[in-house]
Amino acid sequence: MSRAPFQVLVFPYMIDSNGEILYCVFRRQNEDGGYWQAIAGGVEGAEAPLDAAIREGFEEAGIPEDCEYVQMDSCAAIPAADVCGLLWGNDILVIPEYAFAVRVGDAQIALS
């Protein structure tokens, strides 16, 4: 399947018994020591950003597909070359990264 020139960012959260919102971010390891990030991934083919967010949430953290996803108002523009090199040619310099929040409730998040 071809890669679409979009990214998604997924922020899992839950509300505890005190009404406090708890977020989940992940530590990514790399040669520089690592960094913290929400679930991130690409959009495949004609997939809509929401569908990509649901798929990435399931693939990367085992989040059930029926959890409540909400598209956030923020959207970033990130360098295309940092995501996939020159996959989309020399004319696409930045791609949008759509952000979503997903309420996981009692669902267990699986670390991959």
N, C-alpha and C. Protein backbone atom coordinates (compact mmCIF):
# COMPACT_ATOMS: atom_id res chain seq x y z
N MET A 1 0.84 -1.18 0.00
CA MET A 1 0.00 0.00 0.00
C MET A 1 0.89 1.24 0.00
N SER A 2 0.48 2.26 -0.74
CA SER A 2 1.30 3.47 -0.84
C SER A 2 1.11 4.36 0.39
N ARG A 3 2.10 5.13 0.66
CA ARG A 3 2.12 6.03 1.81
C ARG A 3 1.59 7.40 1.38
N ALA A 4 0.58 7.91 2.07
CA ALA A 4 0.02 9.23 1.78
C ALA A 4 0.85 10.31 2.47
N PRO A 5 0.89 11.52 1.93
CA PRO A 5 1.70 12.59 2.53
C PRO A 5 1.03 13.27 3.73
N PHE A 6 0.74 12.47 4.74
CA PHE A 6 0.17 12.93 6.00
C PHE A 6 0.73 12.09 7.12
N GLN A 7 0.73 12.61 8.33
CA GLN A 7 1.11 11.87 9.53
C GLN A 7 -0.02 12.02 10.55
N VAL A 8 -0.08 11.07 11.49
CA VAL A 8 -1.00 11.20 12.62
C VAL A 8 -0.22 11.06 13.91
N LEU A 9 -0.72 11.72 14.94
CA LEU A 9 -0.16 11.67 16.28
C LEU A 9 -1.33 11.34 17.20
N VAL A 10 -1.17 10.32 18.05
CA VAL A 10 -2.26 9.84 18.90
C VAL A 10 -1.85 9.94 20.36
N PHE A 11 -2.65 10.65 21.16
CA PHE A 11 -2.41 10.82 22.59
C PHE A 11 -3.44 10.02 23.38
N PRO A 12 -3.07 8.83 23.89
CA PRO A 12 -4.00 8.08 24.74
C PRO A 12 -4.15 8.78 26.10
N TYR A 13 -5.36 8.75 26.65
CA TYR A 13 -5.57 9.33 27.97
C TYR A 13 -6.69 8.58 28.69
N MET A 14 -6.73 8.76 30.00
CA MET A 14 -7.83 8.24 30.81
C MET A 14 -8.12 9.26 31.90
N ILE A 15 -9.29 9.15 32.50
CA ILE A 15 -9.66 10.00 33.62
C ILE A 15 -9.75 9.11 34.85
N ASP A 16 -8.93 9.40 35.87
CA ASP A 16 -8.90 8.54 37.05
C ASP A 16 -10.08 8.83 37.98
N SER A 17 -10.15 8.10 39.08
CA SER A 17 -11.28 8.21 40.01
C SER A 17 -11.37 9.59 40.68
N ASN A 18 -10.30 10.36 40.65
CA ASN A 18 -10.31 11.73 41.19
C ASN A 18 -10.64 12.77 40.14
N GLY A 19 -10.93 12.32 38.92
CA GLY A 19 -11.23 13.25 37.84
C GLY A 19 -10.01 13.83 37.16
N GLU A 20 -8.83 13.31 37.51
CA GLU A 20 -7.59 13.80 36.92
C GLU A 20 -7.34 13.11 35.58
N ILE A 21 -6.90 13.89 34.61
CA ILE A 21 -6.60 13.33 33.28
C ILE A 21 -5.16 12.84 33.27
N LEU A 22 -4.97 11.58 32.89
CA LEU A 22 -3.65 10.96 32.80
C LEU A 22 -3.35 10.66 31.34
N TYR A 23 -2.19 11.12 30.86
CA TYR A 23 -1.79 10.92 29.47
C TYR A 23 -0.71 9.85 29.38
N CYS A 24 -0.61 9.23 28.24
CA CYS A 24 0.43 8.23 28.01
C CYS A 24 1.30 8.70 26.85
N VAL A 25 2.60 8.82 27.10
CA VAL A 25 3.57 9.06 26.05
C VAL A 25 4.61 7.96 26.13
N PHE A 26 5.33 7.75 25.06
CA PHE A 26 6.23 6.61 24.94
C PHE A 26 7.67 7.08 24.76
N ARG A 27 8.59 6.35 25.35
CA ARG A 27 10.01 6.65 25.19
C ARG A 27 10.52 5.88 23.98
N ARG A 28 10.99 6.58 23.00
CA ARG A 28 11.54 5.99 21.78
C ARG A 28 13.05 5.96 21.91
N GLN A 29 13.65 4.83 21.64
CA GLN A 29 15.10 4.70 21.72
C GLN A 29 15.72 4.97 20.35
N ASN A 30 16.82 5.67 20.34
CA ASN A 30 17.61 5.83 19.12
C ASN A 30 19.06 6.04 19.50
N GLU A 31 19.90 6.28 18.51
CA GLU A 31 21.34 6.41 18.75
C GLU A 31 21.69 7.65 19.58
N ASP A 32 20.77 8.62 19.68
CA ASP A 32 21.01 9.82 20.47
C ASP A 32 20.52 9.69 21.91
N GLY A 33 20.04 8.53 22.29
CA GLY A 33 19.59 8.32 23.65
C GLY A 33 18.09 8.24 23.82
N GLY A 34 17.35 8.66 22.81
CA GLY A 34 15.91 8.52 22.86
C GLY A 34 15.17 9.83 23.08
N TYR A 35 13.85 9.75 22.97
CA TYR A 35 12.98 10.91 23.14
C TYR A 35 11.59 10.42 23.50
N TRP A 36 10.76 11.32 24.01
CA TRP A 36 9.39 11.01 24.38
C TRP A 36 8.45 11.45 23.26
N GLN A 37 7.46 10.60 22.97
CA GLN A 37 6.55 10.90 21.86
C GLN A 37 5.23 10.18 22.07
N ALA A 38 4.17 10.77 21.55
CA ALA A 38 2.89 10.08 21.48
C ALA A 38 2.99 9.01 20.38
N ILE A 39 1.96 8.25 20.19
CA ILE A 39 1.92 7.28 19.09
C ILE A 39 1.93 8.07 17.79
N ALA A 40 2.79 7.70 16.86
CA ALA A 40 2.90 8.42 15.59
C ALA A 40 2.97 7.43 14.44
N GLY A 41 2.43 7.84 13.30
CA GLY A 41 2.50 6.96 12.15
C GLY A 41 1.99 7.63 10.90
N GLY A 42 2.11 6.91 9.81
CA GLY A 42 1.73 7.43 8.51
C GLY A 42 0.34 7.00 8.09
N VAL A 43 -0.17 7.70 7.09
CA VAL A 43 -1.46 7.40 6.50
C VAL A 43 -1.21 6.56 5.26
N GLU A 44 -1.93 5.45 5.14
CA GLU A 44 -1.70 4.52 4.03
C GLU A 44 -2.79 4.65 2.97
N GLY A 45 -2.37 4.74 1.71
CA GLY A 45 -3.30 4.78 0.59
C GLY A 45 -4.32 5.88 0.71
N ALA A 46 -5.61 5.52 0.56
CA ALA A 46 -6.70 6.49 0.62
C ALA A 46 -7.29 6.59 2.03
N GLU A 47 -6.58 6.09 3.02
CA GLU A 47 -7.03 6.10 4.41
C GLU A 47 -7.25 7.54 4.90
N ALA A 48 -8.32 7.76 5.63
CA ALA A 48 -8.57 9.07 6.25
C ALA A 48 -7.69 9.19 7.50
N PRO A 49 -7.32 10.41 7.90
CA PRO A 49 -6.49 10.56 9.09
C PRO A 49 -7.06 9.88 10.33
N LEU A 50 -8.37 9.95 10.56
CA LEU A 50 -8.96 9.28 11.72
C LEU A 50 -8.76 7.77 11.64
N ASP A 51 -8.97 7.20 10.47
CA ASP A 51 -8.76 5.76 10.30
C ASP A 51 -7.30 5.38 10.55
N ALA A 52 -6.38 6.22 10.11
CA ALA A 52 -4.96 5.97 10.36
C ALA A 52 -4.66 6.05 11.85
N ALA A 53 -5.27 7.00 12.55
CA ALA A 53 -5.05 7.13 14.00
C ALA A 53 -5.55 5.89 14.73
N ILE A 54 -6.71 5.40 14.35
CA ILE A 54 -7.27 4.19 14.98
C ILE A 54 -6.36 3.00 14.70
N ARG A 55 -5.90 2.85 13.46
CA ARG A 55 -5.01 1.73 13.11
C ARG A 55 -3.70 1.83 13.87
N GLU A 56 -3.08 3.01 13.90
CA GLU A 56 -1.81 3.18 14.60
C GLU A 56 -1.96 2.93 16.10
N GLY A 57 -3.06 3.40 16.69
CA GLY A 57 -3.30 3.16 18.11
C GLY A 57 -3.37 1.68 18.42
N PHE A 58 -4.01 0.92 17.54
CA PHE A 58 -4.11 -0.52 17.73
C PHE A 58 -2.76 -1.20 17.49
N GLU A 59 -2.09 -0.84 16.38
CA GLU A 59 -0.82 -1.49 16.04
C GLU A 59 0.27 -1.22 17.07
N GLU A 60 0.38 0.01 17.54
CA GLU A 60 1.50 0.38 18.42
C GLU A 60 1.22 0.19 19.90
N ALA A 61 -0.06 0.19 20.30
CA ALA A 61 -0.33 0.10 21.74
C ALA A 61 -1.49 -0.82 22.09
N GLY A 62 -2.06 -1.51 21.08
CA GLY A 62 -3.16 -2.42 21.36
C GLY A 62 -4.43 -1.73 21.81
N ILE A 63 -4.60 -0.46 21.47
CA ILE A 63 -5.79 0.28 21.88
C ILE A 63 -6.98 -0.24 21.08
N PRO A 64 -8.04 -0.68 21.76
CA PRO A 64 -9.21 -1.20 21.04
C PRO A 64 -9.75 -0.18 20.04
N GLU A 65 -10.16 -0.68 18.90
CA GLU A 65 -10.60 0.20 17.82
C GLU A 65 -11.91 0.92 18.13
N ASP A 66 -12.64 0.46 19.14
CA ASP A 66 -13.91 1.11 19.48
C ASP A 66 -13.77 2.19 20.55
N CYS A 67 -12.55 2.52 20.94
CA CYS A 67 -12.34 3.61 21.90
C CYS A 67 -12.70 4.94 21.25
N GLU A 68 -12.99 5.93 22.07
CA GLU A 68 -13.43 7.24 21.59
C GLU A 68 -12.23 8.10 21.15
N TYR A 69 -12.14 8.35 19.85
CA TYR A 69 -11.10 9.21 19.27
C TYR A 69 -11.68 10.59 18.98
N VAL A 70 -10.91 11.63 19.28
CA VAL A 70 -11.33 13.00 18.99
C VAL A 70 -10.17 13.69 18.28
N GLN A 71 -10.47 14.30 17.12
CA GLN A 71 -9.42 15.05 16.43
C GLN A 71 -9.20 16.36 17.17
N MET A 72 -7.95 16.64 17.50
CA MET A 72 -7.60 17.86 18.22
C MET A 72 -7.53 19.03 17.24
N ASP A 73 -7.66 20.24 17.77
CA ASP A 73 -7.61 21.43 16.92
C ASP A 73 -6.23 21.68 16.35
N SER A 74 -5.20 21.23 17.05
CA SER A 74 -3.83 21.51 16.59
C SER A 74 -3.44 20.59 15.44
N CYS A 75 -2.70 21.14 14.51
CA CYS A 75 -2.15 20.38 13.38
C CYS A 75 -0.78 20.98 13.09
N ALA A 76 0.22 20.12 13.01
CA ALA A 76 1.58 20.59 12.76
C ALA A 76 1.95 20.35 11.30
N ALA A 77 2.92 21.10 10.83
CA ALA A 77 3.53 20.85 9.52
C ALA A 77 4.95 20.40 9.78
N ILE A 78 5.28 19.21 9.31
CA ILE A 78 6.61 18.65 9.57
C ILE A 78 7.36 18.42 8.26
N PRO A 79 8.68 18.49 8.28
CA PRO A 79 9.45 18.31 7.05
C PRO A 79 9.24 16.92 6.45
N ALA A 80 8.84 16.87 5.20
CA ALA A 80 8.59 15.60 4.53
C ALA A 80 9.85 14.74 4.49
N ALA A 81 11.00 15.36 4.30
CA ALA A 81 12.26 14.61 4.22
C ALA A 81 12.57 13.88 5.52
N ASP A 82 12.12 14.41 6.66
CA ASP A 82 12.36 13.76 7.94
C ASP A 82 11.48 12.54 8.14
N VAL A 83 10.40 12.45 7.36
CA VAL A 83 9.46 11.34 7.51
C VAL A 83 9.79 10.21 6.53
N CYS A 84 9.89 10.55 5.26
CA CYS A 84 10.08 9.52 4.22
C CYS A 84 11.08 9.93 3.15
N GLY A 85 12.01 10.78 3.48
CA GLY A 85 12.97 11.20 2.48
C GLY A 85 12.27 11.94 1.35
N LEU A 86 12.57 11.57 0.13
CA LEU A 86 11.97 12.22 -1.04
C LEU A 86 10.90 11.35 -1.68
N LEU A 87 10.21 10.54 -0.88
CA LEU A 87 9.18 9.63 -1.38
C LEU A 87 8.15 10.33 -2.26
N TRP A 88 7.78 11.55 -1.90
CA TRP A 88 6.74 12.27 -2.63
C TRP A 88 7.33 13.28 -3.62
N GLY A 89 8.61 13.24 -3.88
CA GLY A 89 9.24 14.14 -4.84
C GLY A 89 9.79 15.40 -4.20
N ASN A 90 10.36 16.25 -5.03
CA ASN A 90 11.00 17.48 -4.56
C ASN A 90 10.02 18.61 -4.27
N ASP A 91 8.77 18.47 -4.72
CA ASP A 91 7.80 19.56 -4.56
C ASP A 91 7.08 19.56 -3.22
N ILE A 92 7.06 18.43 -2.53
CA ILE A 92 6.39 18.36 -1.22
C ILE A 92 7.45 18.52 -0.15
N LEU A 93 7.46 19.70 0.48
CA LEU A 93 8.49 20.01 1.48
C LEU A 93 8.02 19.74 2.90
N VAL A 94 6.73 19.96 3.17
CA VAL A 94 6.18 19.69 4.50
C VAL A 94 4.88 18.91 4.34
N ILE A 95 4.54 18.14 5.37
CA ILE A 95 3.28 17.40 5.37
C ILE A 95 2.54 17.70 6.68
N PRO A 96 1.21 17.64 6.65
CA PRO A 96 0.46 17.88 7.88
C PRO A 96 0.53 16.67 8.81
N GLU A 97 0.57 16.95 10.10
CA GLU A 97 0.50 15.90 11.12
C GLU A 97 -0.73 16.20 11.97
N TYR A 98 -1.76 15.35 11.81
CA TYR A 98 -3.02 15.53 12.51
C TYR A 98 -2.93 14.88 13.88
N ALA A 99 -3.42 15.58 14.91
CA ALA A 99 -3.35 15.07 16.28
C ALA A 99 -4.72 14.60 16.74
N PHE A 100 -4.71 13.47 17.46
CA PHE A 100 -5.93 12.89 18.00
C PHE A 100 -5.73 12.54 19.46
N ALA A 101 -6.79 12.66 20.24
CA ALA A 101 -6.80 12.15 21.61
C ALA A 101 -7.70 10.92 21.60
N VAL A 102 -7.33 9.89 22.36
CA VAL A 102 -8.16 8.70 22.46
C VAL A 102 -8.33 8.35 23.93
N ARG A 103 -9.58 8.28 24.34
CA ARG A 103 -9.88 7.92 25.73
C ARG A 103 -9.86 6.40 25.83
N VAL A 104 -8.94 5.88 26.62
CA VAL A 104 -8.77 4.43 26.70
C VAL A 104 -9.56 3.80 27.83
N GLY A 105 -10.07 4.57 28.77
CA GLY A 105 -10.86 4.00 29.86
C GLY A 105 -10.07 2.94 30.61
N ASP A 106 -10.65 1.76 30.72
CA ASP A 106 -10.00 0.65 31.43
C ASP A 106 -9.15 -0.22 30.52
N ALA A 107 -9.05 0.13 29.25
CA ALA A 107 -8.28 -0.69 28.30
C ALA A 107 -6.80 -0.70 28.71
N GLN A 108 -6.18 -1.84 28.53
CA GLN A 108 -4.75 -1.97 28.81
C GLN A 108 -3.96 -1.51 27.59
N ILE A 109 -2.94 -0.71 27.82
CA ILE A 109 -2.07 -0.28 26.73
C ILE A 109 -0.91 -1.25 26.65
N ALA A 110 -0.69 -1.80 25.47
CA ALA A 110 0.40 -2.76 25.26
C ALA A 110 1.63 -2.03 24.77
N LEU A 111 2.76 -2.28 25.39
CA LEU A 111 4.00 -1.67 24.94
C LEU A 111 4.67 -2.59 23.94
N SER A 112 5.03 -2.03 22.78
CA SER A 112 5.67 -2.85 21.75
C SER A 112 7.17 -2.68 21.76
